[in-house]
Amino acid sequence: MRVCLAPILVAAILQRHFALSFGLFVAAGLTDALDGLLARLLKQRTMLGEYLDPVADKLLLSTLFLVLMHMKLIPVTVTVLVFGRDVGILVVAAILYAATGRREFSPSIFGKANTLAQVAAVGGVLLRQLAPSYWVNAFCLVALDATIALTVISGVNYAWIAARRVGAAPGNSHNGK
Protein backbone atom coordinates (compact mmCIF):
# COMPACT_ATOMS: atom_id res chain seq x y z
CA MET A 1 0.00 0.00 0.00
CA ARG A 2 2.83 2.41 0.89
CA VAL A 3 4.59 1.75 -2.40
CA CYS A 4 1.35 2.53 -4.27
CA LEU A 5 0.78 5.69 -2.21
CA ALA A 6 4.30 7.05 -2.88
CA PRO A 7 3.71 8.46 -6.40
CA ILE A 8 0.36 9.96 -5.40
CA LEU A 9 1.95 11.53 -2.32
CA VAL A 10 4.83 12.91 -4.40
CA ALA A 11 2.42 14.42 -6.93
CA ALA A 12 0.36 16.00 -4.14
CA ILE A 13 3.48 17.57 -2.59
CA LEU A 14 4.79 18.84 -5.92
CA GLN A 15 1.38 20.42 -6.60
CA ARG A 16 1.48 21.94 -3.09
CA HIS A 17 -1.65 20.10 -1.94
CA PHE A 18 -0.32 19.82 1.60
CA ALA A 19 -3.59 18.82 3.27
CA LEU A 20 -3.86 15.85 0.92
CA SER A 21 -0.14 15.14 1.33
CA PHE A 22 -0.37 15.10 5.10
CA GLY A 23 -3.47 12.89 4.97
CA LEU A 24 -1.79 10.42 2.61
CA PHE A 25 1.34 10.37 4.77
CA VAL A 26 -0.76 9.59 7.86
CA ALA A 27 -2.62 6.90 5.89
CA ALA A 28 0.70 5.35 4.84
CA GLY A 29 1.81 5.30 8.47
CA LEU A 30 -1.45 3.77 9.64
CA THR A 31 -1.34 1.04 6.97
CA ASP A 32 2.25 0.25 8.02
CA ALA A 33 1.25 -0.02 11.68
CA LEU A 34 -1.86 -2.05 10.87
CA ASP A 35 0.13 -4.40 8.62
CA GLY A 36 2.70 -5.04 11.34
CA LEU A 37 0.06 -5.49 14.04
CA LEU A 38 -1.99 -7.93 11.95
CA ALA A 39 1.11 -9.91 10.96
CA ARG A 40 2.04 -10.35 14.64
CA LEU A 41 -1.48 -11.04 15.92
CA LEU A 42 -2.33 -13.51 13.17
CA LYS A 43 1.16 -15.01 13.17
CA GLN A 44 1.39 -14.30 9.44
CA ARG A 45 4.99 -13.14 9.32
CA THR A 46 6.68 -14.13 6.08
CA MET A 47 10.21 -13.81 4.70
CA LEU A 48 8.83 -11.74 1.81
CA GLY A 49 7.08 -9.40 4.25
CA GLU A 50 10.23 -9.04 6.33
CA TYR A 51 12.11 -7.87 3.22
CA LEU A 52 9.33 -5.76 1.68
CA ASP A 53 8.38 -3.81 4.82
CA PRO A 54 11.71 -2.00 5.27
CA VAL A 55 12.05 -1.56 1.50
CA ALA A 56 8.63 0.12 1.39
CA ASP A 57 9.60 2.33 4.36
CA LYS A 58 12.89 3.36 2.75
CA LEU A 59 11.32 3.91 -0.65
CA LEU A 60 8.62 6.15 0.77
CA LEU A 61 10.85 8.10 3.17
CA SER A 62 13.75 8.50 0.74
CA THR A 63 11.42 9.72 -1.99
CA LEU A 64 9.78 12.19 0.39
CA PHE A 65 13.13 13.53 1.60
CA LEU A 66 14.18 14.10 -2.03
CA VAL A 67 10.92 15.80 -2.98
CA LEU A 68 10.83 17.96 0.16
CA MET A 69 14.47 18.91 -0.42
CA HIS A 70 13.64 19.80 -4.04
CA MET A 71 10.81 22.00 -2.74
CA LYS A 72 13.31 23.58 -0.29
CA LEU A 73 11.27 22.38 2.70
CA ILE A 74 13.98 20.09 4.13
CA PRO A 75 17.68 21.08 4.24
CA VAL A 76 20.00 19.45 1.70
CA THR A 77 22.33 18.35 4.52
CA VAL A 78 19.64 16.22 6.14
CA THR A 79 18.72 14.53 2.87
CA VAL A 80 22.37 13.86 1.98
CA LEU A 81 23.00 12.30 5.41
CA VAL A 82 19.87 10.13 5.21
CA PHE A 83 20.74 8.93 1.71
CA GLY A 84 24.41 8.46 2.51
CA ARG A 85 23.62 6.27 5.50
CA ASP A 86 21.09 4.17 3.58
CA VAL A 87 23.43 3.66 0.62
CA GLY A 88 26.23 2.80 3.03
CA ILE A 89 24.09 0.20 4.77
CA LEU A 90 23.09 -1.33 1.43
CA VAL A 91 26.72 -1.51 0.28
CA VAL A 92 27.90 -3.02 3.56
CA ALA A 93 25.04 -5.55 3.54
CA ALA A 94 25.96 -6.56 -0.02
CA ILE A 95 29.63 -6.91 0.94
CA LEU A 96 28.72 -8.96 4.01
CA TYR A 97 26.57 -11.23 1.90
CA ALA A 98 29.30 -11.62 -0.73
CA ALA A 99 32.06 -12.18 1.84
CA THR A 100 30.29 -14.30 4.44
CA GLY A 101 27.00 -15.41 2.93
CA ARG A 102 25.17 -13.72 5.78
CA ARG A 103 21.84 -12.20 4.88
CA GLU A 104 20.51 -11.17 8.26
CA PHE A 105 21.04 -7.52 8.93
CA SER A 106 18.27 -6.75 11.36
CA PRO A 107 17.56 -3.18 12.41
CA SER A 108 19.13 -1.90 15.60
CA ILE A 109 17.35 0.21 18.19
CA PHE A 110 19.23 3.20 16.74
CA GLY A 111 18.00 2.37 13.24
CA LYS A 112 14.42 2.12 14.47
CA ALA A 113 14.77 5.41 16.35
CA ASN A 114 16.20 6.98 13.19
CA THR A 115 13.22 5.81 11.15
CA LEU A 116 10.88 7.26 13.79
CA ALA A 117 12.77 10.58 13.67
CA GLN A 118 12.56 10.61 9.87
CA VAL A 119 8.80 9.96 9.99
CA ALA A 120 8.40 12.75 12.57
CA ALA A 121 10.51 15.12 10.43
CA VAL A 122 8.54 14.47 7.24
CA GLY A 123 5.22 14.65 9.09
CA GLY A 124 6.29 17.85 10.83
CA VAL A 125 7.42 19.48 7.59
CA LEU A 126 4.11 18.63 5.92
CA LEU A 127 2.15 19.83 8.94
CA ARG A 128 4.15 23.07 9.01
CA GLN A 129 2.79 23.83 5.52
CA LEU A 130 -0.75 23.53 6.91
CA ALA A 131 -0.37 25.06 10.36
CA PRO A 132 2.73 27.26 10.52
CA SER A 133 2.81 27.87 14.26
CA TYR A 134 5.62 28.23 16.77
CA TRP A 135 4.98 24.75 18.17
CA VAL A 136 4.88 23.02 14.80
CA ASN A 137 8.06 24.82 13.74
CA ALA A 138 9.78 23.84 17.00
CA PHE A 139 8.66 20.22 16.50
CA CYS A 140 10.10 20.27 12.96
CA LEU A 141 13.44 21.58 14.15
CA VAL A 142 13.68 18.97 16.91
CA ALA A 143 12.67 16.17 14.51
CA LEU A 144 15.20 17.29 11.90
CA ASP A 145 17.97 17.58 14.53
CA ALA A 146 17.04 14.13 15.86
CA THR A 147 17.15 12.78 12.30
CA ILE A 148 20.66 14.18 11.82
CA ALA A 149 21.92 12.82 15.15
CA LEU A 150 20.30 9.40 14.81
CA THR A 151 21.38 9.06 11.18
CA VAL A 152 25.01 9.47 12.26
CA ILE A 153 24.66 7.32 15.39
CA SER A 154 22.83 4.49 13.62
CA GLY A 155 25.25 4.62 10.68
CA VAL A 156 28.23 4.28 13.01
CA ASN A 157 26.43 1.51 14.91
CA TYR A 158 25.73 -0.45 11.71
CA ALA A 159 29.38 -0.02 10.63
CA TRP A 160 30.56 -1.34 14.00
CA ILE A 161 28.19 -4.33 13.80
CA ALA A 162 29.33 -5.07 10.23
CA ALA A 163 33.00 -4.88 11.20
CA ARG A 164 32.40 -7.33 14.04
CA ARG A 165 30.55 -9.72 11.72
CA VAL A 166 33.35 -9.67 9.16
CA GLY A 167 35.83 -10.28 11.97
CA ALA A 168 33.72 -13.20 13.23
CA ALA A 169 33.19 -14.72 9.78
CA PRO A 170 34.01 -18.42 9.44
CA GLY A 171 37.60 -18.86 8.40
CA ASN A 172 38.73 -15.60 10.03
CA SER A 173 40.80 -17.03 12.82
CA HIS A 174 42.47 -14.35 14.92
CA ASN A 175 44.23 -16.35 17.58
CA GLY A 176 47.22 -14.06 17.92
CA LYS A 177 49.45 -15.74 15.34
C-alpha atoms as a PDB file:
ATOM      1  CA  MET A   1       0.000   0.000   0.000  1.00  0.00           C
ATOM      2  CA  ARG A   2       2.835   2.408   0.892  1.00  0.00           C
ATOM      3  CA  VAL A   3       4.587   1.748  -2.404  1.00  0.00           C
ATOM      4  CA  CYS A   4       1.347   2.531  -4.267  1.00  0.00           C
ATOM      5  CA  LEU A   5       0.784   5.694  -2.207  1.00  0.00           C
ATOM      6  CA  ALA A   6       4.299   7.048  -2.878  1.00  0.00           C
ATOM      7  CA  PRO A   7       3.707   8.457  -6.400  1.00  0.00           C
ATOM      8  CA  ILE A   8       0.356   9.964  -5.399  1.00  0.00           C
ATOM      9  CA  LEU A   9       1.953  11.526  -2.323  1.00  0.00           C
ATOM     10  CA  VAL A  10       4.834  12.911  -4.400  1.00  0.00           C
ATOM     11  CA  ALA A  11       2.424  14.416  -6.930  1.00  0.00           C
ATOM     12  CA  ALA A  12       0.363  15.998  -4.145  1.00  0.00           C
ATOM     13  CA  ILE A  13       3.476  17.571  -2.591  1.00  0.00           C
ATOM     14  CA  LEU A  14       4.786  18.841  -5.925  1.00  0.00           C
ATOM     15  CA  GLN A  15       1.384  20.422  -6.602  1.00  0.00           C
ATOM     16  CA  ARG A  16       1.482  21.936  -3.086  1.00  0.00           C
ATOM     17  CA  HIS A  17      -1.649  20.095  -1.940  1.00  0.00           C
ATOM     18  CA  PHE A  18      -0.320  19.817   1.598  1.00  0.00           C
ATOM     19  CA  ALA A  19      -3.590  18.821   3.269  1.00  0.00           C
ATOM     20  CA  LEU A  20      -3.858  15.849   0.923  1.00  0.00           C
ATOM     21  CA  SER A  21      -0.135  15.136   1.326  1.00  0.00           C
ATOM     22  CA  PHE A  22      -0.371  15.096   5.098  1.00  0.00           C
ATOM     23  CA  GLY A  23      -3.474  12.888   4.973  1.00  0.00           C
ATOM     24  CA  LEU A  24      -1.793  10.416   2.608  1.00  0.00           C
ATOM     25  CA  PHE A  25       1.335  10.370   4.774  1.00  0.00           C
ATOM     26  CA  VAL A  26      -0.755   9.588   7.865  1.00  0.00           C
ATOM     27  CA  ALA A  27      -2.623   6.901   5.889  1.00  0.00           C
ATOM     28  CA  ALA A  28       0.698   5.347   4.843  1.00  0.00           C
ATOM     29  CA  GLY A  29       1.807   5.298   8.472  1.00  0.00           C
ATOM     30  CA  LEU A  30      -1.452   3.769   9.638  1.00  0.00           C
ATOM     31  CA  THR A  31      -1.335   1.042   6.973  1.00  0.00           C
ATOM     32  CA  ASP A  32       2.252   0.250   8.018  1.00  0.00           C
ATOM     33  CA  ALA A  33       1.248  -0.017  11.678  1.00  0.00           C
ATOM     34  CA  LEU A  34      -1.860  -2.055  10.871  1.00  0.00           C
ATOM     35  CA  ASP A  35       0.127  -4.398   8.616  1.00  0.00           C
ATOM     36  CA  GLY A  36       2.697  -5.043  11.341  1.00  0.00           C
ATOM     37  CA  LEU A  37       0.060  -5.492  14.038  1.00  0.00           C
ATOM     38  CA  LEU A  38      -1.987  -7.930  11.954  1.00  0.00           C
ATOM     39  CA  ALA A  39       1.107  -9.915  10.962  1.00  0.00           C
ATOM     40  CA  ARG A  40       2.038 -10.347  14.638  1.00  0.00           C
ATOM     41  CA  LEU A  41      -1.477 -11.037  15.921  1.00  0.00           C
ATOM     42  CA  LEU A  42      -2.334 -13.507  13.175  1.00  0.00           C
ATOM     43  CA  LYS A  43       1.159 -15.015  13.167  1.00  0.00           C
ATOM     44  CA  GLN A  44       1.394 -14.304   9.445  1.00  0.00           C
ATOM     45  CA  ARG A  45       4.994 -13.141   9.324  1.00  0.00           C
ATOM     46  CA  THR A  46       6.683 -14.126   6.076  1.00  0.00           C
ATOM     47  CA  MET A  47      10.207 -13.806   4.701  1.00  0.00           C
ATOM     48  CA  LEU A  48       8.831 -11.740   1.813  1.00  0.00           C
ATOM     49  CA  GLY A  49       7.084  -9.402   4.253  1.00  0.00           C
ATOM     50  CA  GLU A  50      10.234  -9.043   6.335  1.00  0.00           C
ATOM     51  CA  TYR A  51      12.108  -7.872   3.220  1.00  0.00           C
ATOM     52  CA  LEU A  52       9.330  -5.764   1.683  1.00  0.00           C
ATOM     53  CA  ASP A  53       8.384  -3.807   4.817  1.00  0.00           C
ATOM     54  CA  PRO A  54      11.713  -2.000   5.274  1.00  0.00           C
ATOM     55  CA  VAL A  55      12.050  -1.565   1.497  1.00  0.00           C
ATOM     56  CA  ALA A  56       8.629   0.125   1.391  1.00  0.00           C
ATOM     57  CA  ASP A  57       9.602   2.325   4.355  1.00  0.00           C
ATOM     58  CA  LYS A  58      12.885   3.357   2.753  1.00  0.00           C
ATOM     59  CA  LEU A  59      11.324   3.912  -0.654  1.00  0.00           C
ATOM     60  CA  LEU A  60       8.623   6.153   0.773  1.00  0.00           C
ATOM     61  CA  LEU A  61      10.852   8.097   3.171  1.00  0.00           C
ATOM     62  CA  SER A  62      13.754   8.502   0.743  1.00  0.00           C
ATOM     63  CA  THR A  63      11.423   9.724  -1.987  1.00  0.00           C
ATOM     64  CA  LEU A  64       9.785  12.190   0.389  1.00  0.00           C
ATOM     65  CA  PHE A  65      13.132  13.525   1.596  1.00  0.00           C
ATOM     66  CA  LEU A  66      14.179  14.100  -2.027  1.00  0.00           C
ATOM     67  CA  VAL A  67      10.919  15.800  -2.975  1.00  0.00           C
ATOM     68  CA  LEU A  68      10.832  17.962   0.155  1.00  0.00           C
ATOM     69  CA  MET A  69      14.473  18.911  -0.422  1.00  0.00           C
ATOM     70  CA  HIS A  70      13.636  19.800  -4.038  1.00  0.00           C
ATOM     71  CA  MET A  71      10.812  22.005  -2.740  1.00  0.00           C
ATOM     72  CA  LYS A  72      13.312  23.580  -0.288  1.00  0.00           C
ATOM     73  CA  LEU A  73      11.271  22.384   2.696  1.00  0.00           C
ATOM     74  CA  ILE A  74      13.983  20.087   4.128  1.00  0.00           C
ATOM     75  CA  PRO A  75      17.675  21.079   4.240  1.00  0.00           C
ATOM     76  CA  VAL A  76      20.001  19.451   1.698  1.00  0.00           C
ATOM     77  CA  THR A  77      22.327  18.349   4.520  1.00  0.00           C
ATOM     78  CA  VAL A  78      19.641  16.223   6.141  1.00  0.00           C
ATOM     79  CA  THR A  79      18.723  14.532   2.870  1.00  0.00           C
ATOM     80  CA  VAL A  80      22.368  13.856   1.983  1.00  0.00           C
ATOM     81  CA  LEU A  81      23.004  12.304   5.410  1.00  0.00           C
ATOM     82  CA  VAL A  82      19.875  10.130   5.215  1.00  0.00           C
ATOM     83  CA  PHE A  83      20.736   8.930   1.706  1.00  0.00           C
ATOM     84  CA  GLY A  84      24.414   8.456   2.512  1.00  0.00           C
ATOM     85  CA  ARG A  85      23.622   6.268   5.495  1.00  0.00           C
ATOM     86  CA  ASP A  86      21.095   4.168   3.578  1.00  0.00           C
ATOM     87  CA  VAL A  87      23.426   3.656   0.617  1.00  0.00           C
ATOM     88  CA  GLY A  88      26.231   2.804   3.033  1.00  0.00           C
ATOM     89  CA  ILE A  89      24.094   0.198   4.767  1.00  0.00           C
ATOM     90  CA  LEU A  90      23.089  -1.332   1.425  1.00  0.00           C
ATOM     91  CA  VAL A  91      26.718  -1.513   0.279  1.00  0.00           C
ATOM     92  CA  VAL A  92      27.900  -3.022   3.558  1.00  0.00           C
ATOM     93  CA  ALA A  93      25.036  -5.549   3.541  1.00  0.00           C
ATOM     94  CA  ALA A  94      25.961  -6.560  -0.023  1.00  0.00           C
ATOM     95  CA  ILE A  95      29.627  -6.908   0.943  1.00  0.00           C
ATOM     96  CA  LEU A  96      28.722  -8.959   4.014  1.00  0.00           C
ATOM     97  CA  TYR A  97      26.574 -11.230   1.896  1.00  0.00           C
ATOM     98  CA  ALA A  98      29.297 -11.624  -0.729  1.00  0.00           C
ATOM     99  CA  ALA A  99      32.064 -12.179   1.842  1.00  0.00           C
ATOM    100  CA  THR A 100      30.294 -14.297   4.438  1.00  0.00           C
ATOM    101  CA  GLY A 101      26.999 -15.414   2.926  1.00  0.00           C
ATOM    102  CA  ARG A 102      25.171 -13.720   5.784  1.00  0.00           C
ATOM    103  CA  ARG A 103      21.845 -12.200   4.882  1.00  0.00           C
ATOM    104  CA  GLU A 104      20.514 -11.174   8.262  1.00  0.00           C
ATOM    105  CA  PHE A 105      21.042  -7.516   8.933  1.00  0.00           C
ATOM    106  CA  SER A 106      18.271  -6.748  11.361  1.00  0.00           C
ATOM    107  CA  PRO A 107      17.562  -3.176  12.409  1.00  0.00           C
ATOM    108  CA  SER A 108      19.133  -1.899  15.604  1.00  0.00           C
ATOM    109  CA  ILE A 109      17.346   0.215  18.191  1.00  0.00           C
ATOM    110  CA  PHE A 110      19.232   3.200  16.743  1.00  0.00           C
ATOM    111  CA  GLY A 111      17.996   2.366  13.241  1.00  0.00           C
ATOM    112  CA  LYS A 112      14.418   2.120  14.471  1.00  0.00           C
ATOM    113  CA  ALA A 113      14.769   5.413  16.352  1.00  0.00           C
ATOM    114  CA  ASN A 114      16.202   6.978  13.194  1.00  0.00           C
ATOM    115  CA  THR A 115      13.216   5.812  11.148  1.00  0.00           C
ATOM    116  CA  LEU A 116      10.880   7.262  13.788  1.00  0.00           C
ATOM    117  CA  ALA A 117      12.771  10.580  13.673  1.00  0.00           C
ATOM    118  CA  GLN A 118      12.558  10.610   9.870  1.00  0.00           C
ATOM    119  CA  VAL A 119       8.804   9.962   9.985  1.00  0.00           C
ATOM    120  CA  ALA A 120       8.405  12.751  12.565  1.00  0.00           C
ATOM    121  CA  ALA A 121      10.507  15.115  10.434  1.00  0.00           C
ATOM    122  CA  VAL A 122       8.541  14.472   7.240  1.00  0.00           C
ATOM    123  CA  GLY A 123       5.224  14.645   9.092  1.00  0.00           C
ATOM    124  CA  GLY A 124       6.288  17.851  10.826  1.00  0.00           C
ATOM    125  CA  VAL A 125       7.422  19.477   7.591  1.00  0.00           C
ATOM    126  CA  LEU A 126       4.113  18.628   5.915  1.00  0.00           C
ATOM    127  CA  LEU A 127       2.151  19.826   8.944  1.00  0.00           C
ATOM    128  CA  ARG A 128       4.151  23.069   9.009  1.00  0.00           C
ATOM    129  CA  GLN A 129       2.793  23.827   5.524  1.00  0.00           C
ATOM    130  CA  LEU A 130      -0.754  23.531   6.905  1.00  0.00           C
ATOM    131  CA  ALA A 131      -0.369  25.062  10.357  1.00  0.00           C
ATOM    132  CA  PRO A 132       2.731  27.260  10.519  1.00  0.00           C
ATOM    133  CA  SER A 133       2.808  27.872  14.260  1.00  0.00           C
ATOM    134  CA  TYR A 134       5.616  28.235  16.769  1.00  0.00           C
ATOM    135  CA  TRP A 135       4.975  24.748  18.168  1.00  0.00           C
ATOM    136  CA  VAL A 136       4.883  23.023  14.800  1.00  0.00           C
ATOM    137  CA  ASN A 137       8.062  24.822  13.743  1.00  0.00           C
ATOM    138  CA  ALA A 138       9.777  23.841  17.003  1.00  0.00           C
ATOM    139  CA  PHE A 139       8.659  20.221  16.503  1.00  0.00           C
ATOM    140  CA  CYS A 140      10.100  20.271  12.962  1.00  0.00           C
ATOM    141  CA  LEU A 141      13.443  21.583  14.152  1.00  0.00           C
ATOM    142  CA  VAL A 142      13.679  18.975  16.910  1.00  0.00           C
ATOM    143  CA  ALA A 143      12.670  16.174  14.514  1.00  0.00           C
ATOM    144  CA  LEU A 144      15.202  17.294  11.897  1.00  0.00           C
ATOM    145  CA  ASP A 145      17.970  17.579  14.531  1.00  0.00           C
ATOM    146  CA  ALA A 146      17.037  14.131  15.858  1.00  0.00           C
ATOM    147  CA  THR A 147      17.151  12.783  12.298  1.00  0.00           C
ATOM    148  CA  ILE A 148      20.660  14.180  11.822  1.00  0.00           C
ATOM    149  CA  ALA A 149      21.924  12.815  15.155  1.00  0.00           C
ATOM    150  CA  LEU A 150      20.299   9.398  14.810  1.00  0.00           C
ATOM    151  CA  THR A 151      21.383   9.059  11.185  1.00  0.00           C
ATOM    152  CA  VAL A 152      25.007   9.471  12.262  1.00  0.00           C
ATOM    153  CA  ILE A 153      24.660   7.315  15.391  1.00  0.00           C
ATOM    154  CA  SER A 154      22.831   4.491  13.617  1.00  0.00           C
ATOM    155  CA  GLY A 155      25.252   4.625  10.678  1.00  0.00           C
ATOM    156  CA  VAL A 156      28.234   4.277  13.015  1.00  0.00           C
ATOM    157  CA  ASN A 157      26.431   1.508  14.913  1.00  0.00           C
ATOM    158  CA  TYR A 158      25.732  -0.449  11.712  1.00  0.00           C
ATOM    159  CA  ALA A 159      29.376  -0.019  10.632  1.00  0.00           C
ATOM    160  CA  TRP A 160      30.557  -1.336  14.002  1.00  0.00           C
ATOM    161  CA  ILE A 161      28.193  -4.331  13.800  1.00  0.00           C
ATOM    162  CA  ALA A 162      29.325  -5.067  10.234  1.00  0.00           C
ATOM    163  CA  ALA A 163      32.999  -4.877  11.202  1.00  0.00           C
ATOM    164  CA  ARG A 164      32.402  -7.329  14.044  1.00  0.00           C
ATOM    165  CA  ARG A 165      30.546  -9.718  11.725  1.00  0.00           C
ATOM    166  CA  VAL A 166      33.348  -9.666   9.159  1.00  0.00           C
ATOM    167  CA  GLY A 167      35.834 -10.283  11.973  1.00  0.00           C
ATOM    168  CA  ALA A 168      33.715 -13.197  13.232  1.00  0.00           C
ATOM    169  CA  ALA A 169      33.186 -14.721   9.780  1.00  0.00           C
ATOM    170  CA  PRO A 170      34.005 -18.415   9.441  1.00  0.00           C
ATOM    171  CA  GLY A 171      37.605 -18.863   8.403  1.00  0.00           C
ATOM    172  CA  ASN A 172      38.728 -15.602  10.033  1.00  0.00           C
ATOM    173  CA  SER A 173      40.801 -17.028  12.817  1.00  0.00           C
ATOM    174  CA  HIS A 174      42.468 -14.346  14.922  1.00  0.00           C
ATOM    175  CA  ASN A 175      44.226 -16.352  17.582  1.00  0.00           C
ATOM    176  CA  GLY A 176      47.218 -14.058  17.921  1.00  0.00           C
ATOM    177  CA  LYS A 177      49.451 -15.735  15.338  1.00  0.00           C
END
